[in-house]
N, C-alpha and C. Protein backbone atom coordinates (compact mmCIF):
# COMPACT_ATOMS: atom_id res chain seq x y z
N MET A 1 -22.21 -2.34 -12.04
CA MET A 1 -22.90 -2.30 -10.90
C MET A 1 -22.22 -1.09 -9.91
N LYS A 2 -20.86 -1.16 -9.88
CA LYS A 2 -20.22 -0.30 -9.13
C LYS A 2 -20.43 1.27 -9.53
N PHE A 3 -20.60 1.45 -10.78
CA PHE A 3 -20.82 2.88 -11.32
C PHE A 3 -22.10 3.54 -10.77
N LEU A 4 -23.07 2.53 -10.52
CA LEU A 4 -24.32 2.98 -9.98
C LEU A 4 -24.34 3.31 -8.28
N LEU A 5 -23.45 2.57 -7.87
CA LEU A 5 -23.46 2.68 -6.35
C LEU A 5 -22.69 3.90 -5.88
N LEU A 6 -21.70 4.36 -6.65
CA LEU A 6 -20.85 5.35 -6.35
C LEU A 6 -22.03 6.76 -6.34
N PRO A 7 -22.56 7.15 -7.56
CA PRO A 7 -23.45 8.39 -7.37
C PRO A 7 -24.50 8.08 -6.42
N PHE A 8 -25.07 7.11 -6.22
CA PHE A 8 -26.10 6.74 -5.14
C PHE A 8 -25.47 7.10 -3.65
N CYS A 9 -24.42 6.94 -3.42
CA CYS A 9 -23.88 6.98 -2.23
C CYS A 9 -23.71 8.51 -1.95
N LEU A 10 -23.22 9.09 -3.02
CA LEU A 10 -22.91 10.64 -2.99
C LEU A 10 -24.28 11.44 -2.75
N VAL A 11 -25.10 10.78 -3.62
CA VAL A 11 -26.55 11.55 -3.36
C VAL A 11 -27.07 11.52 -1.79
N LEU A 12 -27.27 10.26 -1.48
CA LEU A 12 -27.58 10.19 -0.02
C LEU A 12 -26.79 10.71 1.06
N CYS A 13 -25.65 10.47 1.06
CA CYS A 13 -25.03 11.16 2.16
C CYS A 13 -23.58 11.52 2.05
N GLY A 14 -22.96 11.46 0.85
CA GLY A 14 -21.59 11.83 0.69
C GLY A 14 -20.60 10.95 1.62
N CYS A 15 -21.01 9.66 1.57
CA CYS A 15 -19.98 8.76 2.22
C CYS A 15 -18.77 8.53 1.79
N SER A 16 -17.63 9.11 2.16
CA SER A 16 -16.44 9.01 1.63
C SER A 16 -15.86 7.64 2.10
N ALA A 17 -16.17 7.22 3.12
CA ALA A 17 -15.65 5.69 3.44
C ALA A 17 -16.22 4.69 2.34
N THR A 18 -17.45 4.95 2.00
CA THR A 18 -17.99 3.93 0.88
C THR A 18 -17.23 4.13 -0.35
N ILE A 19 -16.75 5.43 -0.79
CA ILE A 19 -16.33 5.66 -1.83
C ILE A 19 -14.78 5.03 -2.04
N GLY A 20 -14.19 5.13 -0.75
CA GLY A 20 -12.82 4.49 -0.64
C GLY A 20 -12.93 3.02 -0.69
N ILE A 21 -13.96 2.35 -0.27
CA ILE A 21 -14.12 0.92 -0.41
C ILE A 21 -14.46 0.47 -1.67
N LEU A 22 -15.36 1.39 -2.41
CA LEU A 22 -15.71 0.74 -3.65
C LEU A 22 -14.67 1.02 -4.79
N THR A 23 -13.53 2.08 -4.43
CA THR A 23 -12.68 2.28 -5.51
C THR A 23 -11.31 1.76 -5.09
N GLU A 24 -11.01 0.85 -4.06
CA GLU A 24 -10.06 0.20 -3.56
C GLU A 24 -9.50 -0.66 -4.84
N GLU A 25 -8.25 -0.71 -4.95
CA GLU A 25 -7.52 -1.60 -5.89
C GLU A 25 -6.12 -1.74 -5.83
N GLN A 26 -5.51 -3.06 -5.82
CA GLN A 26 -4.07 -3.29 -5.58
C GLN A 26 -3.36 -2.72 -6.76
N ILE A 27 -2.29 -1.93 -6.76
CA ILE A 27 -1.54 -1.36 -8.00
C ILE A 27 -0.39 -2.17 -8.36
N ASP A 28 0.08 -1.94 -9.63
CA ASP A 28 1.14 -2.78 -10.11
C ASP A 28 2.41 -1.96 -10.02
N ARG A 29 3.51 -2.48 -10.25
CA ARG A 29 4.91 -1.75 -9.75
C ARG A 29 5.23 -0.64 -10.71
N ASP A 30 4.52 -0.71 -12.00
CA ASP A 30 4.58 0.56 -12.86
C ASP A 30 3.98 1.72 -12.23
N TYR A 31 2.74 1.52 -11.64
CA TYR A 31 1.92 2.75 -11.15
C TYR A 31 2.58 3.00 -9.90
N ALA A 32 3.12 2.13 -9.04
CA ALA A 32 3.88 2.65 -7.81
C ALA A 32 4.97 3.61 -8.11
N GLY A 33 5.71 3.44 -9.11
CA GLY A 33 6.89 4.22 -9.36
C GLY A 33 8.32 3.81 -8.50
N THR A 34 8.81 4.68 -8.12
CA THR A 34 10.19 4.46 -7.39
C THR A 34 9.52 4.30 -5.88
N ILE A 35 9.92 3.33 -5.14
CA ILE A 35 9.28 3.24 -3.63
C ILE A 35 10.73 3.34 -2.76
N VAL A 36 10.73 4.24 -1.92
CA VAL A 36 11.67 4.61 -0.95
C VAL A 36 11.23 3.91 0.51
N PHE A 37 12.11 3.12 1.06
CA PHE A 37 11.86 2.54 2.53
C PHE A 37 12.47 3.40 3.54
N GLY A 38 11.72 3.98 4.57
CA GLY A 38 12.34 4.60 5.66
C GLY A 38 12.97 3.47 6.68
N GLN A 39 13.23 4.07 7.82
CA GLN A 39 13.80 3.30 8.74
C GLN A 39 12.85 2.29 9.26
N PRO A 40 12.99 1.21 9.83
CA PRO A 40 12.22 0.10 10.60
C PRO A 40 11.98 0.69 11.82
N ARG A 41 10.70 0.74 12.59
CA ARG A 41 10.54 1.20 13.86
C ARG A 41 9.81 0.26 14.55
N ASN A 42 10.16 -0.18 15.92
CA ASN A 42 9.52 -1.32 16.49
C ASN A 42 8.48 -0.61 17.41
N THR A 43 7.22 -0.99 17.15
CA THR A 43 6.20 -0.12 18.07
C THR A 43 5.69 -1.05 19.12
N GLY A 44 6.25 -2.05 19.33
CA GLY A 44 5.76 -2.97 20.44
C GLY A 44 4.78 -4.06 20.01
N LYS A 45 4.02 -3.64 19.10
CA LYS A 45 3.08 -4.61 18.15
C LYS A 45 3.56 -5.22 16.98
N GLY A 46 4.76 -4.58 16.53
CA GLY A 46 5.34 -5.04 15.31
C GLY A 46 6.16 -3.93 14.76
N ILE A 47 6.50 -4.02 13.70
CA ILE A 47 7.46 -3.20 12.96
C ILE A 47 6.81 -2.29 11.81
N THR A 48 7.07 -1.10 11.86
CA THR A 48 6.29 -0.09 10.67
C THR A 48 7.59 0.26 9.87
N ILE A 49 7.39 0.60 8.74
CA ILE A 49 8.39 0.95 7.78
C ILE A 49 7.70 2.06 6.88
N PRO A 50 7.99 3.13 7.04
CA PRO A 50 7.27 4.17 6.27
C PRO A 50 7.86 4.07 4.84
N LEU A 51 6.97 4.37 3.70
CA LEU A 51 7.08 4.38 2.37
C LEU A 51 6.84 5.53 1.82
N ARG A 52 7.58 5.74 0.88
CA ARG A 52 7.53 7.05 0.00
C ARG A 52 7.43 6.71 -1.48
N PHE A 53 6.50 7.18 -2.37
CA PHE A 53 6.56 6.70 -3.72
C PHE A 53 6.67 8.15 -4.44
N SER A 54 7.44 7.81 -5.73
CA SER A 54 7.53 8.92 -6.62
C SER A 54 7.45 8.46 -8.05
N GLY A 55 7.11 9.38 -8.96
CA GLY A 55 7.10 8.94 -10.29
C GLY A 55 5.70 7.93 -10.55
N GLY A 56 5.88 7.08 -11.42
CA GLY A 56 4.65 6.15 -11.80
C GLY A 56 3.37 6.81 -12.04
N GLY A 57 2.28 6.11 -12.05
CA GLY A 57 1.12 6.73 -12.18
C GLY A 57 0.54 7.58 -11.10
N TRP A 58 1.00 7.45 -9.91
CA TRP A 58 0.62 8.51 -8.83
C TRP A 58 0.89 10.08 -9.21
N SER A 59 2.00 10.19 -9.91
CA SER A 59 2.42 11.54 -10.29
C SER A 59 1.49 12.04 -11.36
N ARG A 60 0.76 11.32 -12.00
CA ARG A 60 -0.38 11.82 -12.91
C ARG A 60 -1.64 11.76 -12.54
N ASN A 61 -2.06 11.17 -11.43
CA ASN A 61 -3.39 11.22 -10.80
C ASN A 61 -3.40 11.59 -9.34
N SER A 62 -3.78 12.89 -9.07
CA SER A 62 -3.64 13.33 -7.50
C SER A 62 -5.07 12.85 -6.83
N GLY A 63 -6.12 12.48 -7.68
CA GLY A 63 -7.24 11.85 -7.00
C GLY A 63 -7.04 10.41 -6.40
N ILE A 64 -5.94 9.86 -6.46
CA ILE A 64 -5.69 8.50 -6.08
C ILE A 64 -4.76 8.52 -4.94
N CYS A 65 -5.09 7.88 -3.76
CA CYS A 65 -4.37 7.88 -2.43
C CYS A 65 -4.08 6.43 -1.98
N PHE A 66 -2.67 6.45 -1.39
CA PHE A 66 -2.48 5.24 -0.72
C PHE A 66 -3.71 4.88 0.31
N LYS A 67 -4.03 3.58 0.23
CA LYS A 67 -5.06 2.97 1.15
C LYS A 67 -4.63 2.11 2.20
N ARG A 68 -3.70 1.30 1.83
CA ARG A 68 -3.11 0.07 2.76
C ARG A 68 -2.11 -0.61 2.25
N SER A 69 -1.40 -1.39 2.82
CA SER A 69 -0.50 -2.39 2.21
C SER A 69 -0.64 -3.57 3.14
N GLU A 70 -0.35 -4.67 2.40
CA GLU A 70 -0.39 -6.08 2.79
C GLU A 70 0.98 -6.72 2.75
N THR A 71 1.54 -7.41 3.63
CA THR A 71 2.85 -8.06 3.64
C THR A 71 2.89 -9.46 4.16
N GLU A 72 3.67 -10.33 3.50
CA GLU A 72 3.69 -11.66 3.84
C GLU A 72 5.17 -11.91 4.09
N ILE A 73 5.68 -12.62 5.09
CA ILE A 73 7.03 -13.05 5.50
C ILE A 73 7.13 -14.61 4.96
N ASP A 74 8.13 -14.84 4.17
CA ASP A 74 8.35 -16.33 3.97
C ASP A 74 9.82 -16.46 3.61
N ASP A 75 10.57 -17.27 4.30
CA ASP A 75 11.82 -17.74 4.01
C ASP A 75 12.83 -16.36 3.75
N GLY A 76 12.79 -15.48 4.49
CA GLY A 76 13.57 -14.20 4.32
C GLY A 76 13.28 -13.22 3.20
N ILE A 77 11.99 -13.42 2.64
CA ILE A 77 11.42 -12.44 1.64
C ILE A 77 10.26 -11.92 2.23
N ILE A 78 10.11 -10.56 2.07
CA ILE A 78 8.72 -9.86 2.43
C ILE A 78 8.12 -9.65 1.22
N THR A 79 6.98 -10.05 0.96
CA THR A 79 6.22 -9.74 -0.14
C THR A 79 5.33 -8.48 0.17
N LEU A 80 5.18 -7.37 -0.58
CA LEU A 80 4.53 -6.20 -0.28
C LEU A 80 3.33 -6.12 -1.50
N ARG A 81 2.29 -5.93 -1.07
CA ARG A 81 1.18 -5.61 -1.97
C ARG A 81 0.75 -4.12 -1.58
N VAL A 82 0.25 -3.24 -2.52
CA VAL A 82 0.03 -1.97 -2.13
C VAL A 82 -1.49 -1.60 -2.78
N PHE A 83 -2.34 -1.04 -2.02
CA PHE A 83 -3.85 -0.80 -2.37
C PHE A 83 -3.85 0.86 -2.28
N THR A 84 -4.62 1.16 -3.20
CA THR A 84 -4.99 2.62 -3.44
C THR A 84 -6.60 2.61 -3.38
N SER A 85 -6.90 4.00 -3.47
CA SER A 85 -8.35 4.10 -3.57
C SER A 85 -8.56 5.78 -3.75
N ALA A 86 -9.76 6.17 -4.23
CA ALA A 86 -10.03 7.66 -4.46
C ALA A 86 -9.84 8.40 -3.01
N CYS A 87 -9.19 9.35 -3.08
CA CYS A 87 -8.90 10.33 -2.02
C CYS A 87 -10.13 10.63 -1.21
N THR A 88 -10.29 10.46 -0.07
CA THR A 88 -11.51 10.58 0.81
C THR A 88 -11.41 11.53 1.71
N GLY A 89 -10.12 12.02 2.18
CA GLY A 89 -9.85 12.91 3.34
C GLY A 89 -9.72 12.04 4.80
N ASN A 90 -9.74 10.75 4.66
CA ASN A 90 -9.23 9.73 5.68
C ASN A 90 -8.20 9.33 5.25
N ASN A 91 -7.35 9.83 4.72
CA ASN A 91 -6.05 9.08 4.03
C ASN A 91 -4.97 8.80 5.14
N VAL A 92 -4.24 7.78 5.03
CA VAL A 92 -3.38 7.30 5.77
C VAL A 92 -1.90 7.34 5.31
N LYS A 93 -0.91 7.70 6.14
CA LYS A 93 0.56 7.79 5.64
C LYS A 93 0.83 6.41 5.15
N PRO A 94 1.47 6.24 3.94
CA PRO A 94 2.06 5.21 3.35
C PRO A 94 3.14 4.33 4.26
N MET A 95 2.73 3.22 4.48
CA MET A 95 3.86 2.37 5.57
C MET A 95 3.51 1.02 5.20
N MET A 96 4.28 0.15 5.69
CA MET A 96 4.03 -1.06 5.80
C MET A 96 4.29 -1.61 7.13
N PHE A 97 3.60 -2.68 7.66
CA PHE A 97 3.48 -3.26 8.91
C PHE A 97 3.96 -4.69 8.82
N LEU A 98 4.90 -5.06 9.73
CA LEU A 98 5.23 -6.36 9.73
C LEU A 98 5.07 -6.87 11.18
N ASP A 99 4.25 -7.98 11.33
CA ASP A 99 3.77 -8.65 12.74
C ASP A 99 4.76 -9.44 13.40
N GLN A 100 5.62 -8.53 14.12
CA GLN A 100 6.54 -9.33 15.07
C GLN A 100 7.54 -10.30 14.06
N PRO A 101 8.35 -9.75 13.15
CA PRO A 101 9.36 -10.63 12.57
C PRO A 101 10.61 -10.85 13.31
N ASP A 102 11.20 -11.92 12.95
CA ASP A 102 12.65 -12.21 13.54
C ASP A 102 13.38 -11.15 13.10
N GLU A 103 14.52 -11.06 13.95
CA GLU A 103 15.64 -10.06 13.46
C GLU A 103 16.42 -10.81 12.25
N GLY A 104 16.86 -9.84 11.59
CA GLY A 104 17.73 -10.34 10.50
C GLY A 104 17.47 -9.40 9.06
N ASN A 105 18.21 -10.09 8.10
CA ASN A 105 18.15 -9.55 6.76
C ASN A 105 16.97 -10.31 6.01
N TYR A 106 16.28 -9.23 5.23
CA TYR A 106 15.06 -9.55 4.42
C TYR A 106 15.24 -8.69 3.06
N ARG A 107 14.76 -9.56 2.01
CA ARG A 107 14.64 -8.83 0.75
C ARG A 107 13.11 -8.61 0.59
N ILE A 108 12.81 -7.36 0.08
CA ILE A 108 11.56 -7.02 -0.27
C ILE A 108 11.07 -7.15 -1.67
N GLU A 109 10.05 -7.79 -2.00
CA GLU A 109 9.44 -7.98 -3.16
C GLU A 109 8.17 -7.41 -3.32
N PHE A 110 7.79 -6.60 -4.31
CA PHE A 110 6.63 -5.90 -4.73
C PHE A 110 5.72 -7.10 -5.57
N GLU A 111 4.60 -7.18 -5.10
CA GLU A 111 3.68 -8.16 -5.92
C GLU A 111 2.67 -7.26 -6.69
N ASP A 112 2.55 -7.66 -7.90
CA ASP A 112 1.55 -7.07 -9.00
C ASP A 112 0.25 -7.79 -8.62
N PRO A 113 -0.84 -7.21 -9.21
CA PRO A 113 -2.20 -7.74 -8.99
C PRO A 113 -2.26 -9.12 -9.77
N ASP A 114 -1.33 -9.43 -10.81
CA ASP A 114 -1.47 -10.74 -11.39
C ASP A 114 -0.49 -11.69 -10.84
N GLY A 115 0.19 -11.37 -9.64
CA GLY A 115 1.14 -12.22 -8.93
C GLY A 115 2.57 -12.27 -9.18
N LYS A 116 2.79 -11.44 -10.47
CA LYS A 116 4.18 -11.24 -10.88
C LYS A 116 4.96 -10.37 -9.73
N THR A 117 6.21 -10.88 -9.18
CA THR A 117 7.07 -10.24 -8.13
C THR A 117 8.15 -9.35 -8.69
N HIS A 118 8.50 -8.31 -8.20
CA HIS A 118 9.75 -7.57 -8.49
C HIS A 118 10.51 -7.22 -7.32
N SER A 119 11.90 -7.67 -7.42
CA SER A 119 12.76 -7.51 -6.23
C SER A 119 13.07 -5.87 -5.99
N LEU A 120 12.93 -5.41 -4.74
CA LEU A 120 13.12 -3.93 -4.68
C LEU A 120 14.51 -3.65 -3.88
N THR A 121 14.57 -4.32 -2.79
CA THR A 121 15.49 -3.82 -1.80
C THR A 121 15.74 -4.90 -0.88
N GLU A 122 16.88 -4.60 0.02
CA GLU A 122 16.89 -5.67 1.31
C GLU A 122 16.95 -4.59 2.58
N ILE A 123 16.44 -5.14 3.61
CA ILE A 123 16.40 -4.35 5.00
C ILE A 123 16.93 -5.25 5.87
N VAL A 124 17.32 -4.54 7.01
CA VAL A 124 17.52 -5.22 8.16
C VAL A 124 16.75 -5.15 9.34
N ILE A 125 16.22 -5.87 9.90
CA ILE A 125 15.18 -5.85 11.03
C ILE A 125 15.93 -5.98 12.32
N PRO A 126 16.13 -4.84 13.13
CA PRO A 126 16.95 -4.90 14.27
C PRO A 126 16.13 -5.83 15.42
């Protein structure tokens, strides 16, 4: 059914937002490739950490862009899920957001769509 909605949307109004929603999917660690974490920054509403991806499936498919990330914090572990979609022109800079975490050391784990996790790095939240 998805394959019918996409052409219908394009014919009617070229709705890039709808295309982004219809093509959104969680990616796995292999597709993400190497993930580099920037410096944590307190925005007053939480902590943002810029992300940079290299290698993986993204290097072979320029039509797929970062859409959003989800994080969960539990017992010193930050679980990161990354979502992509078709590039629509409304793309956002890759980053993760942490909603007012306590100061301290955290381990970041990447979660695949099947629930498998991969330990990535440790960060310090100031």
